[in-house]
Amino acid sequence: MRILIIQPWIRHGRAEQLSVRLGAKLEEHRHEAPIVELLVDPHSLPPQVASRSFYTAPTWLAARFARSRALVCFAGPLILPAISGQRAVPTSSNPHDRPAPLVAAIVNDAMAATP
């Protein structure tokens, strides 16, 4: 099974790390579990999860998202589906934090529309 984890951002010491651990556990059980996000701080991740599959925005755009939570809320629903759609076709999705539920609805709707 391919489970797409949608997490707008991942930083050290935050609850978002649960998404990273969830993906690692799913992969231990032979599922694909890529994480799609707008920005990630790879230096803050524990070593056992630093090698996970992250699909993220381009570096220059991620830097802008890191500076503005408002930009995440307004542009995230446009950028995250584009990242999701071009790299990962999920069997299921697991959204976390705003605007991830909206993005999951868009991605799942697009997935249902394709034959």
PDB file of N, CA and C in Angstrom:
ATOM      1  N   MET A   1       0.840  -1.168   0.000  1.00  0.00           N
ATOM      2  CA  MET A   1       0.000   0.000   0.000  1.00  0.00           C
ATOM      3  C   MET A   1       0.890   1.236   0.000  1.00  0.00           C
ATOM      4  N   ARG A   2       0.463   2.278  -0.689  1.00  0.00           N
ATOM      5  CA  ARG A   2       1.199   3.540  -0.714  1.00  0.00           C
ATOM      6  C   ARG A   2       0.373   4.597   0.021  1.00  0.00           C
ATOM      7  N   ILE A   3       0.890   5.060   1.132  1.00  0.00           N
ATOM      8  CA  ILE A   3       0.210   6.042   1.958  1.00  0.00           C
ATOM      9  C   ILE A   3       0.971   7.348   1.852  1.00  0.00           C
ATOM     10  N   LEU A   4       0.314   8.367   1.378  1.00  0.00           N
ATOM     11  CA  LEU A   4       0.925   9.682   1.227  1.00  0.00           C
ATOM     12  C   LEU A   4       0.666  10.481   2.499  1.00  0.00           C
ATOM     13  N   ILE A   5       1.736  10.840   3.200  1.00  0.00           N
ATOM     14  CA  ILE A   5       1.619  11.637   4.415  1.00  0.00           C
ATOM     15  C   ILE A   5       1.807  13.095   4.018  1.00  0.00           C
ATOM     16  N   ILE A   6       0.797  13.908   4.295  1.00  0.00           N
ATOM     17  CA  ILE A   6       0.834  15.329   3.928  1.00  0.00           C
ATOM     18  C   ILE A   6       1.040  16.138   5.202  1.00  0.00           C
ATOM     19  N   GLN A   7       2.194  16.761   5.313  1.00  0.00           N
ATOM     20  CA  GLN A   7       2.572  17.526   6.499  1.00  0.00           C
ATOM     21  C   GLN A   7       3.170  18.842   6.010  1.00  0.00           C
ATOM     22  N   PRO A   8       2.520  19.987   6.258  1.00  0.00           N
ATOM     23  CA  PRO A   8       3.015  21.245   5.709  1.00  0.00           C
ATOM     24  C   PRO A   8       4.462  21.587   6.062  1.00  0.00           C
ATOM     25  N   TRP A   9       4.918  21.264   7.280  1.00  0.00           N
ATOM     26  CA  TRP A   9       6.296  21.555   7.660  1.00  0.00           C
ATOM     27  C   TRP A   9       6.742  20.550   8.702  1.00  0.00           C
ATOM     28  N   ILE A  10       8.064  20.340   8.759  1.00  0.00           N
ATOM     29  CA  ILE A  10       8.638  19.435   9.746  1.00  0.00           C
ATOM     30  C   ILE A  10       9.862  20.113  10.344  1.00  0.00           C
ATOM     31  N   ARG A  11       9.817  20.291  11.664  1.00  0.00           N
ATOM     32  CA  ARG A  11      10.930  20.898  12.397  1.00  0.00           C
ATOM     33  C   ARG A  11      11.193  20.097  13.663  1.00  0.00           C
ATOM     34  N   HIS A  12      12.368  20.259  14.219  1.00  0.00           N
ATOM     35  CA  HIS A  12      12.766  19.532  15.425  1.00  0.00           C
ATOM     36  C   HIS A  12      11.904  19.925  16.628  1.00  0.00           C
ATOM     37  N   GLY A  13      11.593  18.922  17.428  1.00  0.00           N
ATOM     38  CA  GLY A  13      10.899  19.168  18.684  1.00  0.00           C
ATOM     39  C   GLY A  13       9.432  19.482  18.540  1.00  0.00           C
ATOM     40  N   ARG A  14       8.884  19.251  17.409  1.00  0.00           N
ATOM     41  CA  ARG A  14       7.490  19.571  17.152  1.00  0.00           C
ATOM     42  C   ARG A  14       6.676  18.291  17.017  1.00  0.00           C
ATOM     43  N   ALA A  15       5.367  18.427  17.103  1.00  0.00           N
ATOM     44  CA  ALA A  15       4.474  17.280  16.950  1.00  0.00           C
ATOM     45  C   ALA A  15       4.548  16.704  15.538  1.00  0.00           C
ATOM     46  N   GLU A  16       5.040  17.500  14.578  1.00  0.00           N
ATOM     47  CA  GLU A  16       5.145  17.028  13.200  1.00  0.00           C
ATOM     48  C   GLU A  16       6.072  15.815  13.080  1.00  0.00           C
ATOM     49  N   GLN A  17       6.950  15.657  14.056  1.00  0.00           N
ATOM     50  CA  GLN A  17       7.855  14.510  14.024  1.00  0.00           C
ATOM     51  C   GLN A  17       7.089  13.194  14.103  1.00  0.00           C
ATOM     52  N   LEU A  18       5.870  13.228  14.623  1.00  0.00           N
ATOM     53  CA  LEU A  18       5.035  12.022  14.653  1.00  0.00           C
ATOM     54  C   LEU A  18       4.752  11.531  13.234  1.00  0.00           C
ATOM     55  N   SER A  19       4.575  12.456  12.302  1.00  0.00           N
ATOM     56  CA  SER A  19       4.363  12.063  10.908  1.00  0.00           C
ATOM     57  C   SER A  19       5.572  11.323  10.362  1.00  0.00           C
ATOM     58  N   VAL A  20       6.746  11.797  10.730  1.00  0.00           N
ATOM     59  CA  VAL A  20       7.980  11.163  10.269  1.00  0.00           C
ATOM     60  C   VAL A  20       8.094   9.765  10.862  1.00  0.00           C
ATOM     61  N   ARG A  21       7.788   9.646  12.144  1.00  0.00           N
ATOM     62  CA  ARG A  21       7.855   8.329  12.789  1.00  0.00           C
ATOM     63  C   ARG A  21       6.795   7.377  12.232  1.00  0.00           C
ATOM     64  N   LEU A  22       5.597   7.911  11.943  1.00  0.00           N
ATOM     65  CA  LEU A  22       4.541   7.094  11.344  1.00  0.00           C
ATOM     66  C   LEU A  22       5.007   6.537  10.000  1.00  0.00           C
ATOM     67  N   GLY A  23       5.598   7.392   9.177  1.00  0.00           N
ATOM     68  CA  GLY A  23       6.110   6.945   7.885  1.00  0.00           C
ATOM     69  C   GLY A  23       7.177   5.875   8.031  1.00  0.00           C
ATOM     70  N   ALA A  24       8.062   6.042   9.009  1.00  0.00           N
ATOM     71  CA  ALA A  24       9.117   5.055   9.238  1.00  0.00           C
ATOM     72  C   ALA A  24       8.520   3.710   9.657  1.00  0.00           C
ATOM     73  N   LYS A  25       7.533   3.735  10.535  1.00  0.00           N
ATOM     74  CA  LYS A  25       6.887   2.484  10.971  1.00  0.00           C
ATOM     75  C   LYS A  25       6.159   1.809   9.814  1.00  0.00           C
ATOM     76  N   LEU A  26       5.462   2.604   8.995  1.00  0.00           N
ATOM     77  CA  LEU A  26       4.766   2.026   7.845  1.00  0.00           C
ATOM     78  C   LEU A  26       5.756   1.353   6.899  1.00  0.00           C
ATOM     79  N   GLU A  27       6.906   1.987   6.689  1.00  0.00           N
ATOM     80  CA  GLU A  27       7.910   1.394   5.809  1.00  0.00           C
ATOM     81  C   GLU A  27       8.542   0.146   6.416  1.00  0.00           C
ATOM     82  N   GLU A  28       8.616   0.091   7.747  1.00  0.00           N
ATOM     83  CA  GLU A  28       9.091  -1.133   8.385  1.00  0.00           C
ATOM     84  C   GLU A  28       8.162  -2.301   8.074  1.00  0.00           C
ATOM     85  N   HIS A  29       6.881  -2.004   7.862  1.00  0.00           N
ATOM     86  CA  HIS A  29       5.890  -3.030   7.545  1.00  0.00           C
ATOM     87  C   HIS A  29       5.661  -3.154   6.038  1.00  0.00           C
ATOM     88  N   ARG A  30       6.639  -2.719   5.265  1.00  0.00           N
ATOM     89  CA  ARG A  30       6.664  -2.878   3.809  1.00  0.00           C
ATOM     90  C   ARG A  30       5.612  -2.060   3.055  1.00  0.00           C
ATOM     91  N   HIS A  31       5.232  -0.920   3.607  1.00  0.00           N
ATOM     92  CA  HIS A  31       4.356   0.009   2.894  1.00  0.00           C
ATOM     93  C   HIS A  31       5.212   1.174   2.414  1.00  0.00           C
ATOM     94  N   GLU A  32       4.803   1.795   1.322  1.00  0.00           N
ATOM     95  CA  GLU A  32       5.458   3.030   0.896  1.00  0.00           C
ATOM     96  C   GLU A  32       4.773   4.169   1.621  1.00  0.00           C
ATOM     97  N   ALA A  33       5.546   5.084   2.186  1.00  0.00           N
ATOM     98  CA  ALA A  33       4.960   6.189   2.942  1.00  0.00           C
ATOM     99  C   ALA A  33       5.767   7.470   2.746  1.00  0.00           C
ATOM    100  N   PRO A  34       5.747   8.029   1.533  1.00  0.00           N
ATOM    101  CA  PRO A  34       6.453   9.298   1.328  1.00  0.00           C
ATOM    102  C   PRO A  34       5.745  10.430   2.067  1.00  0.00           C
ATOM    103  N   ILE A  35       6.519  11.432   2.470  1.00  0.00           N
ATOM    104  CA  ILE A  35       5.974  12.596   3.164  1.00  0.00           C
ATOM    105  C   ILE A  35       6.095  13.793   2.232  1.00  0.00           C
ATOM    106  N   VAL A  36       4.975  14.464   2.004  1.00  0.00           N
ATOM    107  CA  VAL A  36       4.950  15.661   1.176  1.00  0.00           C
ATOM    108  C   VAL A  36       4.836  16.860   2.108  1.00  0.00           C
ATOM    109  N   GLU A  37       5.745  17.827   1.968  1.00  0.00           N
ATOM    110  CA  GLU A  37       5.688  19.018   2.805  1.00  0.00           C
ATOM    111  C   GLU A  37       6.277  20.215   2.086  1.00  0.00           C
ATOM    112  N   LEU A  38       6.002  21.387   2.637  1.00  0.00           N
ATOM    113  CA  LEU A  38       6.489  22.633   2.050  1.00  0.00           C
ATOM    114  C   LEU A  38       7.913  22.927   2.492  1.00  0.00           C
ATOM    115  N   LEU A  39       8.256  22.534   3.722  1.00  0.00           N
ATOM    116  CA  LEU A  39       9.618  22.743   4.199  1.00  0.00           C
ATOM    117  C   LEU A  39       9.955  21.707   5.248  1.00  0.00           C
ATOM    118  N   VAL A  40      11.215  21.341   5.295  1.00  0.00           N
ATOM    119  CA  VAL A  40      11.709  20.385   6.282  1.00  0.00           C
ATOM    120  C   VAL A  40      13.086  20.848   6.735  1.00  0.00           C
ATOM    121  N   ASP A  41      13.353  20.693   8.025  1.00  0.00           N
ATOM    122  CA  ASP A  41      14.673  20.999   8.572  1.00  0.00           C
ATOM    123  C   ASP A  41      15.380  19.664   8.799  1.00  0.00           C
ATOM    124  N   PRO A  42      16.131  19.176   7.796  1.00  0.00           N
ATOM    125  CA  PRO A  42      16.725  17.834   7.907  1.00  0.00           C
ATOM    126  C   PRO A  42      17.768  17.712   9.010  1.00  0.00           C
ATOM    127  N   HIS A  43      18.350  18.832   9.421  1.00  0.00           N
ATOM    128  CA  HIS A  43      19.384  18.794  10.458  1.00  0.00           C
ATOM    129  C   HIS A  43      18.797  18.492  11.829  1.00  0.00           C
ATOM    130  N   SER A  44      17.505  18.710  11.987  1.00  0.00           N
ATOM    131  CA  SER A  44      16.890  18.504  13.287  1.00  0.00           C
ATOM    132  C   SER A  44      16.252  17.119  13.429  1.00  0.00           C
ATOM    133  N   LEU A  45      16.292  16.321  12.367  1.00  0.00           N
ATOM    134  CA  LEU A  45      15.655  15.006  12.419  1.00  0.00           C
ATOM    135  C   LEU A  45      16.571  13.978  13.062  1.00  0.00           C
ATOM    136  N   PRO A  46      15.999  13.045  13.815  1.00  0.00           N
ATOM    137  CA  PRO A  46      16.816  11.965  14.368  1.00  0.00           C
ATOM    138  C   PRO A  46      17.441  11.141  13.234  1.00  0.00           C
ATOM    139  N   PRO A  47      18.608  10.552  13.445  1.00  0.00           N
ATOM    140  CA  PRO A  47      19.300   9.819  12.372  1.00  0.00           C
ATOM    141  C   PRO A  47      18.474   8.707  11.742  1.00  0.00           C
ATOM    142  N   GLN A  48      17.660   8.009  12.533  1.00  0.00           N
ATOM    143  CA  GLN A  48      16.902   6.884  11.983  1.00  0.00           C
ATOM    144  C   GLN A  48      15.803   7.327  11.029  1.00  0.00           C
ATOM    145  N   VAL A  49      15.410   8.595  11.052  1.00  0.00           N
ATOM    146  CA  VAL A  49      14.361   9.058  10.142  1.00  0.00           C
ATOM    147  C   VAL A  49      14.861  10.098   9.143  1.00  0.00           C
ATOM    148  N   ALA A  50      16.116  10.496   9.245  1.00  0.00           N
ATOM    149  CA  ALA A  50      16.645  11.514   8.344  1.00  0.00           C
ATOM    150  C   ALA A  50      16.708  11.040   6.902  1.00  0.00           C
ATOM    151  N   SER A  51      16.732   9.735   6.687  1.00  0.00           N
ATOM    152  CA  SER A  51      16.832   9.210   5.327  1.00  0.00           C
ATOM    153  C   SER A  51      15.459   8.932   4.702  1.00  0.00           C
ATOM    154  N   ARG A  52      14.388   9.353   5.319  1.00  0.00           N
ATOM    155  CA  ARG A  52      13.032   9.128   4.810  1.00  0.00           C
ATOM    156  C   ARG A  52      12.826   9.829   3.471  1.00  0.00           C
ATOM    157  N   SER A  53      11.782   9.435   2.759  1.00  0.00           N
ATOM    158  CA  SER A  53      11.437  10.050   1.482  1.00  0.00           C
ATOM    159  C   SER A  53      10.621  11.313   1.731  1.00  0.00           C
ATOM    160  N   PHE A  54      11.209  12.456   1.446  1.00  0.00           N
ATOM    161  CA  PHE A  54      10.517  13.733   1.585  1.00  0.00           C
ATOM    162  C   PHE A  54      10.335  14.346   0.207  1.00  0.00           C
ATOM    163  N   TYR A  55       9.121  14.717  -0.122  1.00  0.00           N
ATOM    164  CA  TYR A  55       8.840  15.462  -1.347  1.00  0.00           C
ATOM    165  C   TYR A  55       8.528  16.871  -0.907  1.00  0.00           C
ATOM    166  N   THR A  56       9.356  17.810  -1.291  1.00  0.00           N
ATOM    167  CA  THR A  56       9.235  19.168  -0.782  1.00  0.00           C
ATOM    168  C   THR A  56       9.261  20.195  -1.899  1.00  0.00           C
ATOM    169  N   ALA A  57       8.929  21.409  -1.538  1.00  0.00           N
ATOM    170  CA  ALA A  57       8.976  22.530  -2.475  1.00  0.00           C
ATOM    171  C   ALA A  57      10.442  22.836  -2.804  1.00  0.00           C
ATOM    172  N   PRO A  58      10.686  23.522  -3.917  1.00  0.00           N
ATOM    173  CA  PRO A  58      12.068  23.923  -4.225  1.00  0.00           C
ATOM    174  C   PRO A  58      12.665  24.734  -3.065  1.00  0.00           C
ATOM    175  N   THR A  59      13.966  24.685  -2.921  1.00  0.00           N
ATOM    176  CA  THR A  59      14.664  25.313  -1.800  1.00  0.00           C
ATOM    177  C   THR A  59      14.319  26.789  -1.642  1.00  0.00           C
ATOM    178  N   TRP A  60      14.288  27.523  -2.736  1.00  0.00           N
ATOM    179  CA  TRP A  60      14.007  28.963  -2.641  1.00  0.00           C
ATOM    180  C   TRP A  60      12.588  29.207  -2.129  1.00  0.00           C
ATOM    181  N   LEU A  61      11.652  28.361  -2.506  1.00  0.00           N
ATOM    182  CA  LEU A  61      10.274  28.512  -2.057  1.00  0.00           C
ATOM    183  C   LEU A  61      10.121  28.044  -0.608  1.00  0.00           C
ATOM    184  N   ALA A  62      10.811  26.967  -0.253  1.00  0.00           N
ATOM    185  CA  ALA A  62      10.775  26.474   1.131  1.00  0.00           C
ATOM    186  C   ALA A  62      11.302  27.535   2.099  1.00  0.00           C
ATOM    187  N   ALA A  63      12.317  28.289   1.680  1.00  0.00           N
ATOM    188  CA  ALA A  63      12.851  29.358   2.536  1.00  0.00           C
ATOM    189  C   ALA A  63      11.801  30.437   2.787  1.00  0.00           C
ATOM    190  N   ARG A  64      10.993  30.732   1.791  1.00  0.00           N
ATOM    191  CA  ARG A  64       9.917  31.717   1.979  1.00  0.00           C
ATOM    192  C   ARG A  64       8.828  31.177   2.898  1.00  0.00           C
ATOM    193  N   PHE A  65       8.499  29.891   2.740  1.00  0.00           N
ATOM    194  CA  PHE A  65       7.504  29.276   3.622  1.00  0.00           C
ATOM    195  C   PHE A  65       7.993  29.252   5.066  1.00  0.00           C
ATOM    196  N   ALA A  66       9.296  29.089   5.268  1.00  0.00           N
ATOM    197  CA  ALA A  66       9.857  29.055   6.620  1.00  0.00           C
ATOM    198  C   ALA A  66       9.696  30.395   7.327  1.00  0.00           C
ATOM    199  N   ARG A  67       9.656  31.472   6.562  1.00  0.00           N
ATOM    200  CA  ARG A  67       9.536  32.805   7.151  1.00  0.00           C
ATOM    201  C   ARG A  67       8.101  33.263   7.363  1.00  0.00           C
ATOM    202  N   SER A  68       7.126  32.597   6.746  1.00  0.00           N
ATOM    203  CA  SER A  68       5.754  33.112   6.799  1.00  0.00           C
ATOM    204  C   SER A  68       4.721  32.000   6.936  1.00  0.00           C
ATOM    205  N   ARG A  69       4.105  31.919   8.102  1.00  0.00           N
ATOM    206  CA  ARG A  69       3.036  30.941   8.321  1.00  0.00           C
ATOM    207  C   ARG A  69       1.813  31.319   7.490  1.00  0.00           C
ATOM    208  N   ALA A  70       1.589  32.611   7.258  1.00  0.00           N
ATOM    209  CA  ALA A  70       0.465  33.056   6.422  1.00  0.00           C
ATOM    210  C   ALA A  70       0.637  32.547   4.990  1.00  0.00           C
ATOM    211  N   LEU A  71       1.857  32.574   4.478  1.00  0.00           N
ATOM    212  CA  LEU A  71       2.112  32.064   3.137  1.00  0.00           C
ATOM    213  C   LEU A  71       1.807  30.564   3.064  1.00  0.00           C
ATOM    214  N   VAL A  72       2.116  29.844   4.128  1.00  0.00           N
ATOM    215  CA  VAL A  72       1.796  28.410   4.188  1.00  0.00           C
ATOM    216  C   VAL A  72       0.284  28.211   4.065  1.00  0.00           C
ATOM    217  N   CYS A  73      -0.485  29.023   4.797  1.00  0.00           N
ATOM    218  CA  CYS A  73      -1.945  28.871   4.790  1.00  0.00           C
ATOM    219  C   CYS A  73      -2.567  29.266   3.452  1.00  0.00           C
ATOM    220  N   PHE A  74      -2.033  30.305   2.829  1.00  0.00           N
ATOM    221  CA  PHE A  74      -2.641  30.784   1.582  1.00  0.00           C
ATOM    222  C   PHE A  74      -2.104  30.085   0.333  1.00  0.00           C
ATOM    223  N   ALA A  75      -0.814  29.858   0.265  1.00  0.00           N
ATOM    224  CA  ALA A  75      -0.226  29.251  -0.930  1.00  0.00           C
ATOM    225  C   ALA A  75      -0.062  27.734  -0.798  1.00  0.00           C
ATOM    226  N   GLY A  76      -0.048  27.232   0.432  1.00  0.00           N
ATOM    227  CA  GLY A  76       0.100  25.796   0.661  1.00  0.00           C
ATOM    228  C   GLY A  76      -0.909  24.946  -0.087  1.00  0.00           C
ATOM    229  N   PRO A  77      -2.216  25.325  -0.069  1.00  0.00           N
ATOM    230  CA  PRO A  77      -3.194  24.517  -0.799  1.00  0.00           C
ATOM    231  C   PRO A  77      -2.967  24.489  -2.311  1.00  0.00           C
ATOM    232  N   LEU A  78      -2.179  25.415  -2.834  1.00  0.00           N
ATOM    233  CA  LEU A  78      -1.854  25.411  -4.261  1.00  0.00           C
ATOM    234  C   LEU A  78      -0.574  24.630  -4.555  1.00  0.00           C
ATOM    235  N   ILE A  79       0.404  24.770  -3.683  1.00  0.00           N
ATOM    236  CA  ILE A  79       1.718  24.167  -3.910  1.00  0.00           C
ATOM    237  C   ILE A  79       1.745  22.678  -3.531  1.00  0.00           C
ATOM    238  N   LEU A  80       1.151  22.320  -2.385  1.00  0.00           N
ATOM    239  CA  LEU A  80       1.192  20.919  -1.941  1.00  0.00           C
ATOM    240  C   LEU A  80       0.557  19.946  -2.935  1.00  0.00           C
ATOM    241  N   PRO A  81      -0.609  20.255  -3.535  1.00  0.00           N
ATOM    242  CA  PRO A  81      -1.139  19.306  -4.530  1.00  0.00           C
ATOM    243  C   PRO A  81      -0.226  19.150  -5.741  1.00  0.00           C
ATOM    244  N   ALA A  82       0.454  20.234  -6.115  1.00  0.00           N
ATOM    245  CA  ALA A  82       1.374  20.150  -7.248  1.00  0.00           C
ATOM    246  C   ALA A  82       2.541  19.221  -6.911  1.00  0.00           C
ATOM    247  N   ILE A  83       3.068  19.343  -5.700  1.00  0.00           N
ATOM    248  CA  ILE A  83       4.158  18.463  -5.271  1.00  0.00           C
ATOM    249  C   ILE A  83       3.650  17.027  -5.191  1.00  0.00           C
ATOM    250  N   SER A  84       2.467  16.842  -4.623  1.00  0.00           N
ATOM    251  CA  SER A  84       1.877  15.499  -4.467  1.00  0.00           C
ATOM    252  C   SER A  84       1.593  14.865  -5.814  1.00  0.00           C
ATOM    253  N   GLY A  85       0.985  15.624  -6.703  1.00  0.00           N
ATOM    254  CA  GLY A  85       0.546  15.087  -7.982  1.00  0.00           C
ATOM    255  C   GLY A  85       1.660  14.678  -8.908  1.00  0.00           C
ATOM    256  N   GLN A  86       2.779  15.376  -8.848  1.00  0.00           N
ATOM    257  CA  GLN A  86       3.837  15.053  -9.794  1.00  0.00           C
ATOM    258  C   GLN A  86       4.795  13.977  -9.285  1.00  0.00           C
ATOM    259  N   ARG A  87       4.742  13.642  -8.007  1.00  0.00           N
ATOM    260  CA  ARG A  87       5.713  12.683  -7.476  1.00  0.00           C
ATOM    261  C   ARG A  87       5.125  11.448  -6.836  1.00  0.00           C
ATOM    262  N   ALA A  88       3.886  11.518  -6.404  1.00  0.00           N
ATOM    263  CA  ALA A  88       3.362  10.404  -5.620  1.00  0.00           C
ATOM    264  C   ALA A  88       1.899  10.150  -5.933  1.00  0.00           C
ATOM    265  N   VAL A  89       1.587   8.943  -6.311  1.00  0.00           N
ATOM    266  CA  VAL A  89       0.190   8.553  -6.511  1.00  0.00           C
ATOM    267  C   VAL A  89      -0.165   7.627  -5.353  1.00  0.00           C
ATOM    268  N   PRO A  90      -0.923   8.135  -4.373  1.00  0.00           N
ATOM    269  CA  PRO A  90      -1.175   7.330  -3.180  1.00  0.00           C
ATOM    270  C   PRO A  90      -2.344   6.377  -3.316  1.00  0.00           C
ATOM    271  N   THR A  91      -2.321   5.332  -2.517  1.00  0.00           N
ATOM    272  CA  THR A  91      -3.475   4.476  -2.325  1.00  0.00           C
ATOM    273  C   THR A  91      -4.377   5.136  -1.291  1.00  0.00           C
ATOM    274  N   SER A  92      -3.742   5.801  -0.335  1.00  0.00           N
ATOM    275  CA  SER A  92      -4.451   6.479   0.747  1.00  0.00           C
ATOM    276  C   SER A  92      -3.624   7.690   1.155  1.00  0.00           C
ATOM    277  N   SER A  93      -4.237   8.640   1.855  1.00  0.00           N
ATOM    278  CA  SER A  93      -3.485   9.797   2.324  1.00  0.00           C
ATOM    279  C   SER A  93      -3.732  10.012   3.809  1.00  0.00           C
ATOM    280  N   ASN A  94      -2.774  10.658   4.459  1.00  0.00           N
ATOM    281  CA  ASN A  94      -2.828  10.902   5.885  1.00  0.00           C
ATOM    282  C   ASN A  94      -2.443  12.366   6.119  1.00  0.00           C
ATOM    283  N   PRO A  95      -3.424  13.286   6.181  1.00  0.00           N
ATOM    284  CA  PRO A  95      -3.106  14.710   6.326  1.00  0.00           C
ATOM    285  C   PRO A  95      -2.904  15.129   7.780  1.00  0.00           C
ATOM    286  N   HIS A  96      -1.993  16.075   7.986  1.00  0.00           N
ATOM    287  CA  HIS A  96      -1.716  16.638   9.309  1.00  0.00           C
ATOM    288  C   HIS A  96      -1.624  18.149   9.203  1.00  0.00           C
ATOM    289  N   ASP A  97      -2.240  18.863  10.119  1.00  0.00           N
ATOM    290  CA  ASP A  97      -2.177  20.324  10.218  1.00  0.00           C
ATOM    291  C   ASP A  97      -2.757  21.021   8.990  1.00  0.00           C
ATOM    292  N   ARG A  98      -3.232  22.226   9.186  1.00  0.00           N
ATOM    293  CA  ARG A  98      -3.751  23.011   8.074  1.00  0.00           C
ATOM    294  C   ARG A  98      -2.624  23.415   7.149  1.00  0.00           C
ATOM    295  N   PRO A  99      -2.755  23.442   5.893  1.00  0.00           N
ATOM    296  CA  PRO A  99      -3.889  23.169   5.021  1.00  0.00           C
ATOM    297  C   PRO A  99      -3.921  21.734   4.491  1.00  0.00           C
ATOM    298  N   ALA A 100      -3.283  20.794   5.190  1.00  0.00           N
ATOM    299  CA  ALA A 100      -3.170  19.421   4.693  1.00  0.00           C
ATOM    300  C   ALA A 100      -4.507  18.722   4.431  1.00  0.00           C
ATOM    301  N   PRO A 101      -5.550  18.889   5.272  1.00  0.00           N
ATOM    302  CA  PRO A 101      -6.817  18.212   4.939  1.00  0.00           C
ATOM    303  C   PRO A 101      -7.409  18.673   3.603  1.00  0.00           C
ATOM    304  N   LEU A 102      -7.286  19.959   3.305  1.00  0.00           N
ATOM    305  CA  LEU A 102      -7.762  20.475   2.018  1.00  0.00           C
ATOM    306  C   LEU A 102      -6.937  19.873   0.878  1.00  0.00           C
ATOM    307  N   VAL A 103      -5.642  19.791   1.061  1.00  0.00           N
ATOM    308  CA  VAL A 103      -4.758  19.219   0.043  1.00  0.00           C
ATOM    309  C   VAL A 103      -5.085  17.745  -0.181  1.00  0.00           C
ATOM    310  N   ALA A 104      -5.338  17.008   0.902  1.00  0.00           N
ATOM    311  CA  ALA A 104      -5.698  15.591   0.771  1.00  0.00           C
ATOM    312  C   ALA A 104      -6.986  15.438  -0.023  1.00  0.00           C
ATOM    313  N   ALA A 105      -7.947  16.320   0.211  1.00  0.00           N
ATOM    314  CA  ALA A 105      -9.202  16.262  -0.544  1.00  0.00           C
ATOM    315  C   ALA A 105      -8.950  16.505  -2.029  1.00  0.00           C
ATOM    316  N   ILE A 106      -8.092  17.467  -2.342  1.00  0.00           N
ATOM    317  CA  ILE A 106      -7.775  17.778  -3.742  1.00  0.00           C
ATOM    318  C   ILE A 106      -7.057  16.596  -4.397  1.00  0.00           C
ATOM    319  N   VAL A 107      -6.042  16.058  -3.717  1.00  0.00           N
ATOM    320  CA  VAL A 107      -5.262  14.953  -4.273  1.00  0.00           C
ATOM    321  C   VAL A 107      -6.137  13.713  -4.441  1.00  0.00           C
ATOM    322  N   ASN A 108      -6.949  13.407  -3.423  1.00  0.00           N
ATOM    323  CA  ASN A 108      -7.818  12.226  -3.514  1.00  0.00           C
ATOM    324  C   ASN A 108      -8.881  12.381  -4.601  1.00  0.00           C
ATOM    325  N   ASP A 109      -9.390  13.594  -4.770  1.00  0.00           N
ATOM    326  CA  ASP A 109     -10.381  13.845  -5.821  1.00  0.00           C
ATOM    327  C   ASP A 109      -9.742  13.680  -7.192  1.00  0.00           C
ATOM    328  N   ALA A 110      -8.546  14.198  -7.366  1.00  0.00           N
ATOM    329  CA  ALA A 110      -7.834  14.049  -8.639  1.00  0.00           C
ATOM    330  C   ALA A 110      -7.504  12.592  -8.901  1.00  0.00           C
ATOM    331  N   MET A 111      -7.163  11.871  -7.843  1.00  0.00           N
ATOM    332  CA  MET A 111      -6.829  10.447  -7.984  1.00  0.00           C
ATOM    333  C   MET A 111      -8.067   9.655  -8.396  1.00  0.00           C
ATOM    334  N   ALA A 112      -9.218   9.999  -7.852  1.00  0.00           N
ATOM    335  CA  ALA A 112     -10.471   9.302  -8.202  1.00  0.00           C
ATOM    336  C   ALA A 112     -10.913   9.603  -9.622  1.00  0.00           C
ATOM    337  N   ALA A 113     -10.560  10.789 -10.126  1.00  0.00           N
ATOM    338  CA  ALA A 113     -10.979  11.197 -11.460  1.00  0.00           C
ATOM    339  C   ALA A 113     -10.165  10.534 -12.568  1.00  0.00           C
ATOM    340  N   THR A 114      -8.936  10.100 -12.238  1.00  0.00           N
ATOM    341  CA  THR A 114      -8.114   9.452 -13.258  1.00  0.00           C
ATOM    342  C   THR A 114      -8.456   7.982 -13.365  1.00  0.00           C
ATOM    343  N   PRO A 115      -8.528   7.442 -14.598  1.00  0.00           N
ATOM    344  CA  PRO A 115      -8.904   6.034 -14.771  1.00  0.00           C
ATOM    345  C   PRO A 115      -7.825   5.082 -14.318  1.00  0.00           C
TER     346      PRO A 115
END
